[in-house]
Structure formats: C-alpha cells, structure tokens
Amino acid sequence: MTEAQLLKKLGLKIKQLRTDKGMSQSEFGLEIQMEKSNVSRMEAGNHNLKIGTLLRVANALEISLPELVDVR
C-alpha cells in the first residue's frame, strides 16, 4: 500500500466514524482543534496527519489509536 492509498483509506474511515456519530465537519473540527477545511482535506486523504492529531481524532471518535489506524 502506498502512502497516498493509506491516507485515502484513513480519511474515509474517519469520515465514516464521524458521520456514524452524527457530527458535522465543523463540530468535529472544534472537537479536534482543527479548521473545517482541514477536516475536509483529512477526510479526502489530502492531509498527512501528525501523531498528536491522530490521537485527538481517536479520542473524539471514542476509539483507540490502534483501532483508528487499522485500515487494512
């Protein structure tokens, strides 16, 4: 799997988990301290995330970091 493919899969997973929780991109952005435009880029797979951001995303989605990054 390439880095681009990984980012795309991770972004789609984050989007699905966020929508399952009924959160808008704006609400999610506030929760993870990220602008809505960056949430959109992240979900599209166009934003390479730092570990701290991944941790905030996992916490906001109420899952563990390993669960979040498991995108086989």
PDB file of N, CA and C in Angstrom:
ATOM      1  N   MET A   1       0.848  -1.172   0.000  1.00  0.00           N
ATOM      2  CA  MET A   1       0.000   0.000   0.000  1.00  0.00           C
ATOM      3  C   MET A   1       0.895   1.236   0.000  1.00  0.00           C
ATOM      4  N   THR A   2       0.549   2.196  -0.828  1.00  0.00           N
ATOM      5  CA  THR A   2       1.321   3.440  -0.879  1.00  0.00           C
ATOM      6  C   THR A   2       0.845   4.392   0.216  1.00  0.00           C
ATOM      7  N   GLU A   3       1.628   5.422   0.461  1.00  0.00           N
ATOM      8  CA  GLU A   3       1.243   6.443   1.440  1.00  0.00           C
ATOM      9  C   GLU A   3      -0.068   7.108   1.032  1.00  0.00           C
ATOM     10  N   ALA A   4      -0.223   7.408  -0.248  1.00  0.00           N
ATOM     11  CA  ALA A   4      -1.450   8.048  -0.734  1.00  0.00           C
ATOM     12  C   ALA A   4      -2.668   7.152  -0.501  1.00  0.00           C
ATOM     13  N   GLN A   5      -2.508   5.855  -0.747  1.00  0.00           N
ATOM     14  CA  GLN A   5      -3.610   4.924  -0.520  1.00  0.00           C
ATOM     15  C   GLN A   5      -3.960   4.833   0.957  1.00  0.00           C
ATOM     16  N   LEU A   6      -2.939   4.815   1.811  1.00  0.00           N
ATOM     17  CA  LEU A   6      -3.157   4.768   3.251  1.00  0.00           C
ATOM     18  C   LEU A   6      -3.915   6.006   3.722  1.00  0.00           C
ATOM     19  N   LEU A   7      -3.487   7.181   3.267  1.00  0.00           N
ATOM     20  CA  LEU A   7      -4.157   8.413   3.674  1.00  0.00           C
ATOM     21  C   LEU A   7      -5.610   8.441   3.206  1.00  0.00           C
ATOM     22  N   LYS A   8      -5.866   7.938   2.010  1.00  0.00           N
ATOM     23  CA  LYS A   8      -7.232   7.887   1.475  1.00  0.00           C
ATOM     24  C   LYS A   8      -8.111   6.963   2.323  1.00  0.00           C
ATOM     25  N   LYS A   9      -7.591   5.770   2.632  1.00  0.00           N
ATOM     26  CA  LYS A   9      -8.350   4.818   3.446  1.00  0.00           C
ATOM     27  C   LYS A   9      -8.602   5.365   4.850  1.00  0.00           C
ATOM     28  N   LEU A  10      -7.581   5.978   5.430  1.00  0.00           N
ATOM     29  CA  LEU A  10      -7.731   6.544   6.765  1.00  0.00           C
ATOM     30  C   LEU A  10      -8.757   7.673   6.749  1.00  0.00           C
ATOM     31  N   GLY A  11      -8.691   8.521   5.744  1.00  0.00           N
ATOM     32  CA  GLY A  11      -9.648   9.619   5.632  1.00  0.00           C
ATOM     33  C   GLY A  11     -11.075   9.126   5.506  1.00  0.00           C
ATOM     34  N   LEU A  12     -11.284   8.096   4.694  1.00  0.00           N
ATOM     35  CA  LEU A  12     -12.630   7.537   4.534  1.00  0.00           C
ATOM     36  C   LEU A  12     -13.125   6.911   5.832  1.00  0.00           C
ATOM     37  N   LYS A  13     -12.215   6.271   6.569  1.00  0.00           N
ATOM     38  CA  LYS A  13     -12.589   5.669   7.846  1.00  0.00           C
ATOM     39  C   LYS A  13     -12.992   6.750   8.844  1.00  0.00           C
ATOM     40  N   ILE A  14     -12.211   7.815   8.913  1.00  0.00           N
ATOM     41  CA  ILE A  14     -12.521   8.912   9.827  1.00  0.00           C
ATOM     42  C   ILE A  14     -13.880   9.515   9.471  1.00  0.00           C
ATOM     43  N   LYS A  15     -14.121   9.729   8.199  1.00  0.00           N
ATOM     44  CA  LYS A  15     -15.399  10.306   7.764  1.00  0.00           C
ATOM     45  C   LYS A  15     -16.566   9.406   8.169  1.00  0.00           C
ATOM     46  N   GLN A  16     -16.423   8.106   7.938  1.00  0.00           N
ATOM     47  CA  GLN A  16     -17.498   7.170   8.280  1.00  0.00           C
ATOM     48  C   GLN A  16     -17.770   7.171   9.781  1.00  0.00           C
ATOM     49  N   LEU A  17     -16.710   7.127  10.579  1.00  0.00           N
ATOM     50  CA  LEU A  17     -16.873   7.125  12.033  1.00  0.00           C
ATOM     51  C   LEU A  17     -17.488   8.439  12.519  1.00  0.00           C
ATOM     52  N   ARG A  18     -17.067   9.543  11.916  1.00  0.00           N
ATOM     53  CA  ARG A  18     -17.621  10.854  12.291  1.00  0.00           C
ATOM     54  C   ARG A  18     -19.102  10.925  11.963  1.00  0.00           C
ATOM     55  N   THR A  19     -19.487  10.506  10.767  1.00  0.00           N
ATOM     56  CA  THR A  19     -20.893  10.576  10.368  1.00  0.00           C
ATOM     57  C   THR A  19     -21.730   9.594  11.180  1.00  0.00           C
ATOM     58  N   ASP A  20     -21.159   8.441  11.535  1.00  0.00           N
ATOM     59  CA  ASP A  20     -21.871   7.492  12.401  1.00  0.00           C
ATOM     60  C   ASP A  20     -22.207   8.110  13.750  1.00  0.00           C
ATOM     61  N   LYS A  21     -21.362   9.018  14.217  1.00  0.00           N
ATOM     62  CA  LYS A  21     -21.596   9.711  15.483  1.00  0.00           C
ATOM     63  C   LYS A  21     -22.497  10.936  15.312  1.00  0.00           C
ATOM     64  N   GLY A  22     -22.886  11.225  14.071  1.00  0.00           N
ATOM     65  CA  GLY A  22     -23.778  12.345  13.808  1.00  0.00           C
ATOM     66  C   GLY A  22     -23.130  13.707  13.941  1.00  0.00           C
ATOM     67  N   MET A  23     -21.821  13.764  13.737  1.00  0.00           N
ATOM     68  CA  MET A  23     -21.091  15.026  13.862  1.00  0.00           C
ATOM     69  C   MET A  23     -20.841  15.632  12.493  1.00  0.00           C
ATOM     70  N   SER A  24     -21.025  16.941  12.403  1.00  0.00           N
ATOM     71  CA  SER A  24     -20.668  17.660  11.177  1.00  0.00           C
ATOM     72  C   SER A  24     -19.150  17.854  11.161  1.00  0.00           C
ATOM     73  N   GLN A  25     -18.632  18.246  10.009  1.00  0.00           N
ATOM     74  CA  GLN A  25     -17.194  18.544   9.933  1.00  0.00           C
ATOM     75  C   GLN A  25     -16.836  19.697  10.861  1.00  0.00           C
ATOM     76  N   SER A  26     -17.714  20.673  10.965  1.00  0.00           N
ATOM     77  CA  SER A  26     -17.450  21.818  11.837  1.00  0.00           C
ATOM     78  C   SER A  26     -17.393  21.393  13.301  1.00  0.00           C
ATOM     79  N   GLU A  27     -18.364  20.593  13.721  1.00  0.00           N
ATOM     80  CA  GLU A  27     -18.382  20.106  15.106  1.00  0.00           C
ATOM     81  C   GLU A  27     -17.153  19.264  15.404  1.00  0.00           C
ATOM     82  N   PHE A  28     -16.816  18.394  14.461  1.00  0.00           N
ATOM     83  CA  PHE A  28     -15.650  17.533  14.629  1.00  0.00           C
ATOM     84  C   PHE A  28     -14.375  18.369  14.696  1.00  0.00           C
ATOM     85  N   GLY A  29     -14.289  19.378  13.839  1.00  0.00           N
ATOM     86  CA  GLY A  29     -13.129  20.262  13.842  1.00  0.00           C
ATOM     87  C   GLY A  29     -12.934  20.947  15.181  1.00  0.00           C
ATOM     88  N   LEU A  30     -14.018  21.417  15.772  1.00  0.00           N
ATOM     89  CA  LEU A  30     -13.928  22.039  17.101  1.00  0.00           C
ATOM     90  C   LEU A  30     -13.416  21.037  18.125  1.00  0.00           C
ATOM     91  N   GLU A  31     -13.914  19.821  18.042  1.00  0.00           N
ATOM     92  CA  GLU A  31     -13.531  18.763  18.983  1.00  0.00           C
ATOM     93  C   GLU A  31     -12.048  18.423  18.884  1.00  0.00           C
ATOM     94  N   ILE A  32     -11.507  18.429  17.684  1.00  0.00           N
ATOM     95  CA  ILE A  32     -10.106  18.022  17.496  1.00  0.00           C
ATOM     96  C   ILE A  32      -9.165  19.211  17.262  1.00  0.00           C
ATOM     97  N   GLN A  33      -9.690  20.419  17.434  1.00  0.00           N
ATOM     98  CA  GLN A  33      -8.887  21.643  17.296  1.00  0.00           C
ATOM     99  C   GLN A  33      -8.311  21.774  15.888  1.00  0.00           C
ATOM    100  N   MET A  34      -9.205  21.649  14.896  1.00  0.00           N
ATOM    101  CA  MET A  34      -8.787  21.721  13.502  1.00  0.00           C
ATOM    102  C   MET A  34      -9.848  22.490  12.708  1.00  0.00           C
ATOM    103  N   GLU A  35      -9.402  23.334  11.797  1.00  0.00           N
ATOM    104  CA  GLU A  35     -10.329  24.063  10.934  1.00  0.00           C
ATOM    105  C   GLU A  35     -11.141  23.096  10.080  1.00  0.00           C
ATOM    106  N   LYS A  36     -12.385  23.469   9.775  1.00  0.00           N
ATOM    107  CA  LYS A  36     -13.262  22.633   8.957  1.00  0.00           C
ATOM    108  C   LYS A  36     -12.607  22.290   7.621  1.00  0.00           C
ATOM    109  N   SER A  37     -11.921  23.245   7.013  1.00  0.00           N
ATOM    110  CA  SER A  37     -11.269  22.991   5.725  1.00  0.00           C
ATOM    111  C   SER A  37     -10.215  21.894   5.845  1.00  0.00           C
ATOM    112  N   ASN A  38      -9.517  21.847   6.975  1.00  0.00           N
ATOM    113  CA  ASN A  38      -8.514  20.802   7.177  1.00  0.00           C
ATOM    114  C   ASN A  38      -9.167  19.447   7.464  1.00  0.00           C
ATOM    115  N   VAL A  39     -10.328  19.468   8.127  1.00  0.00           N
ATOM    116  CA  VAL A  39     -11.076  18.219   8.330  1.00  0.00           C
ATOM    117  C   VAL A  39     -11.467  17.655   6.968  1.00  0.00           C
ATOM    118  N   SER A  40     -11.933  18.519   6.093  1.00  0.00           N
ATOM    119  CA  SER A  40     -12.318  18.093   4.751  1.00  0.00           C
ATOM    120  C   SER A  40     -11.121  17.500   4.007  1.00  0.00           C
ATOM    121  N   ARG A  41      -9.980  18.159   4.080  1.00  0.00           N
ATOM    122  CA  ARG A  41      -8.768  17.657   3.425  1.00  0.00           C
ATOM    123  C   ARG A  41      -8.330  16.318   4.019  1.00  0.00           C
ATOM    124  N   MET A  42      -8.441  16.193   5.343  1.00  0.00           N
ATOM    125  CA  MET A  42      -8.077  14.949   6.020  1.00  0.00           C
ATOM    126  C   MET A  42      -8.975  13.805   5.547  1.00  0.00           C
ATOM    127  N   GLU A  43     -10.263  14.043   5.493  1.00  0.00           N
ATOM    128  CA  GLU A  43     -11.206  13.001   5.086  1.00  0.00           C
ATOM    129  C   GLU A  43     -11.054  12.637   3.611  1.00  0.00           C
ATOM    130  N   ALA A  44     -10.544  13.546   2.824  1.00  0.00           N
ATOM    131  CA  ALA A  44     -10.304  13.272   1.402  1.00  0.00           C
ATOM    132  C   ALA A  44      -8.962  12.569   1.173  1.00  0.00           C
ATOM    133  N   GLY A  45      -8.176  12.439   2.238  1.00  0.00           N
ATOM    134  CA  GLY A  45      -6.876  11.792   2.112  1.00  0.00           C
ATOM    135  C   GLY A  45      -5.793  12.727   1.613  1.00  0.00           C
ATOM    136  N   ASN A  46      -6.027  14.030   1.744  1.00  0.00           N
ATOM    137  CA  ASN A  46      -5.081  15.029   1.247  1.00  0.00           C
ATOM    138  C   ASN A  46      -4.321  15.753   2.357  1.00  0.00           C
ATOM    139  N   HIS A  47      -4.310  15.174   3.542  1.00  0.00           N
ATOM    140  CA  HIS A  47      -3.666  15.826   4.679  1.00  0.00           C
ATOM    141  C   HIS A  47      -2.926  14.767   5.482  1.00  0.00           C
ATOM    142  N   ASN A  48      -1.612  14.844   5.510  1.00  0.00           N
ATOM    143  CA  ASN A  48      -0.799  13.901   6.273  1.00  0.00           C
ATOM    144  C   ASN A  48      -0.839  14.315   7.736  1.00  0.00           C
ATOM    145  N   LEU A  49      -1.329  13.434   8.590  1.00  0.00           N
ATOM    146  CA  LEU A  49      -1.598  13.784   9.981  1.00  0.00           C
ATOM    147  C   LEU A  49      -0.435  13.472  10.903  1.00  0.00           C
ATOM    148  N   LYS A  50      -0.214  14.361  11.864  1.00  0.00           N
ATOM    149  CA  LYS A  50       0.775  14.137  12.907  1.00  0.00           C
ATOM    150  C   LYS A  50       0.162  13.216  13.954  1.00  0.00           C
ATOM    151  N   ILE A  51       1.008  12.577  14.736  1.00  0.00           N
ATOM    152  CA  ILE A  51       0.540  11.625  15.728  1.00  0.00           C
ATOM    153  C   ILE A  51      -0.384  12.291  16.757  1.00  0.00           C
ATOM    154  N   GLY A  52      -0.089  13.518  17.135  1.00  0.00           N
ATOM    155  CA  GLY A  52      -0.944  14.225  18.093  1.00  0.00           C
ATOM    156  C   GLY A  52      -2.346  14.445  17.542  1.00  0.00           C
ATOM    157  N   THR A  53      -2.423  14.759  16.263  1.00  0.00           N
ATOM    158  CA  THR A  53      -3.723  14.939  15.617  1.00  0.00           C
ATOM    159  C   THR A  53      -4.471  13.618  15.560  1.00  0.00           C
ATOM    160  N   LEU A  54      -3.768  12.542  15.222  1.00  0.00           N
ATOM    161  CA  LEU A  54      -4.389  11.221  15.185  1.00  0.00           C
ATOM    162  C   LEU A  54      -4.943  10.848  16.559  1.00  0.00           C
ATOM    163  N   LEU A  55      -4.219  11.182  17.600  1.00  0.00           N
ATOM    164  CA  LEU A  55      -4.681  10.889  18.960  1.00  0.00           C
ATOM    165  C   LEU A  55      -5.946  11.680  19.283  1.00  0.00           C
ATOM    166  N   ARG A  56      -5.983  12.966  18.914  1.00  0.00           N
ATOM    167  CA  ARG A  56      -7.191  13.775  19.146  1.00  0.00           C
ATOM    168  C   ARG A  56      -8.370  13.223  18.358  1.00  0.00           C
ATOM    169  N   VAL A  57      -8.121  12.783  17.123  1.00  0.00           N
ATOM    170  CA  VAL A  57      -9.179  12.191  16.293  1.00  0.00           C
ATOM    171  C   VAL A  57      -9.710  10.928  16.959  1.00  0.00           C
ATOM    172  N   ALA A  58      -8.821  10.041  17.382  1.00  0.00           N
ATOM    173  CA  ALA A  58      -9.240   8.799  18.033  1.00  0.00           C
ATOM    174  C   ALA A  58     -10.051   9.092  19.291  1.00  0.00           C
ATOM    175  N   ASN A  59      -9.583  10.027  20.102  1.00  0.00           N
ATOM    176  CA  ASN A  59     -10.309  10.381  21.332  1.00  0.00           C
ATOM    177  C   ASN A  59     -11.688  10.936  21.016  1.00  0.00           C
ATOM    178  N   ALA A  60     -11.782  11.792  20.019  1.00  0.00           N
ATOM    179  CA  ALA A  60     -13.073  12.383  19.647  1.00  0.00           C
ATOM    180  C   ALA A  60     -14.041  11.323  19.134  1.00  0.00           C
ATOM    181  N   LEU A  61     -13.499  10.303  18.481  1.00  0.00           N
ATOM    182  CA  LEU A  61     -14.332   9.228  17.939  1.00  0.00           C
ATOM    183  C   LEU A  61     -14.552   8.101  18.954  1.00  0.00           C
ATOM    184  N   GLU A  62     -13.936   8.254  20.133  1.00  0.00           N
ATOM    185  CA  GLU A  62     -14.062   7.302  21.237  1.00  0.00           C
ATOM    186  C   GLU A  62     -13.585   5.899  20.850  1.00  0.00           C
ATOM    187  N   ILE A  63     -12.434   5.875  20.153  1.00  0.00           N
ATOM    188  CA  ILE A  63     -11.783   4.616  19.818  1.00  0.00           C
ATOM    189  C   ILE A  63     -10.297   4.753  20.152  1.00  0.00           C
ATOM    190  N   SER A  64      -9.605   3.622  20.173  1.00  0.00           N
ATOM    191  CA  SER A  64      -8.168   3.678  20.459  1.00  0.00           C
ATOM    192  C   SER A  64      -7.408   4.092  19.197  1.00  0.00           C
ATOM    193  N   LEU A  65      -6.212   4.578  19.405  1.00  0.00           N
ATOM    194  CA  LEU A  65      -5.360   4.963  18.276  1.00  0.00           C
ATOM    195  C   LEU A  65      -5.076   3.759  17.366  1.00  0.00           C
ATOM    196  N   PRO A  66      -4.743   2.580  17.918  1.00  0.00           N
ATOM    197  CA  PRO A  66      -4.549   1.429  17.023  1.00  0.00           C
ATOM    198  C   PRO A  66      -5.801   1.087  16.210  1.00  0.00           C
ATOM    199  N   GLU A  67      -6.977   1.209  16.805  1.00  0.00           N
ATOM    200  CA  GLU A  67      -8.219   0.957  16.054  1.00  0.00           C
ATOM    201  C   GLU A  67      -8.361   1.947  14.897  1.00  0.00           C
ATOM    202  N   LEU A  68      -8.014   3.201  15.161  1.00  0.00           N
ATOM    203  CA  LEU A  68      -8.151   4.237  14.139  1.00  0.00           C
ATOM    204  C   LEU A  68      -7.249   3.957  12.944  1.00  0.00           C
ATOM    205  N   VAL A  69      -6.010   3.611  13.206  1.00  0.00           N
ATOM    206  CA  VAL A  69      -5.062   3.476  12.095  1.00  0.00           C
ATOM    207  C   VAL A  69      -5.072   2.092  11.451  1.00  0.00           C
ATOM    208  N   ASP A  70      -5.899   1.184  11.932  1.00  0.00           N
ATOM    209  CA  ASP A  70      -6.033  -0.136  11.310  1.00  0.00           C
ATOM    210  C   ASP A  70      -6.939  -0.022  10.094  1.00  0.00           C
ATOM    211  N   VAL A  71      -6.328   0.163   8.927  1.00  0.00           N
ATOM    212  CA  VAL A  71      -7.089   0.407   7.688  1.00  0.00           C
ATOM    213  C   VAL A  71      -6.732  -0.618   6.612  1.00  0.00           C
ATOM    214  N   ARG A  72      -6.570  -1.836   6.990  1.00  0.00           N
ATOM    215  CA  ARG A  72      -6.201  -2.889   6.030  1.00  0.00           C
ATOM    216  C   ARG A  72      -7.107  -2.944   4.846  1.00  0.00           C
TER     217      ARG A  72
END
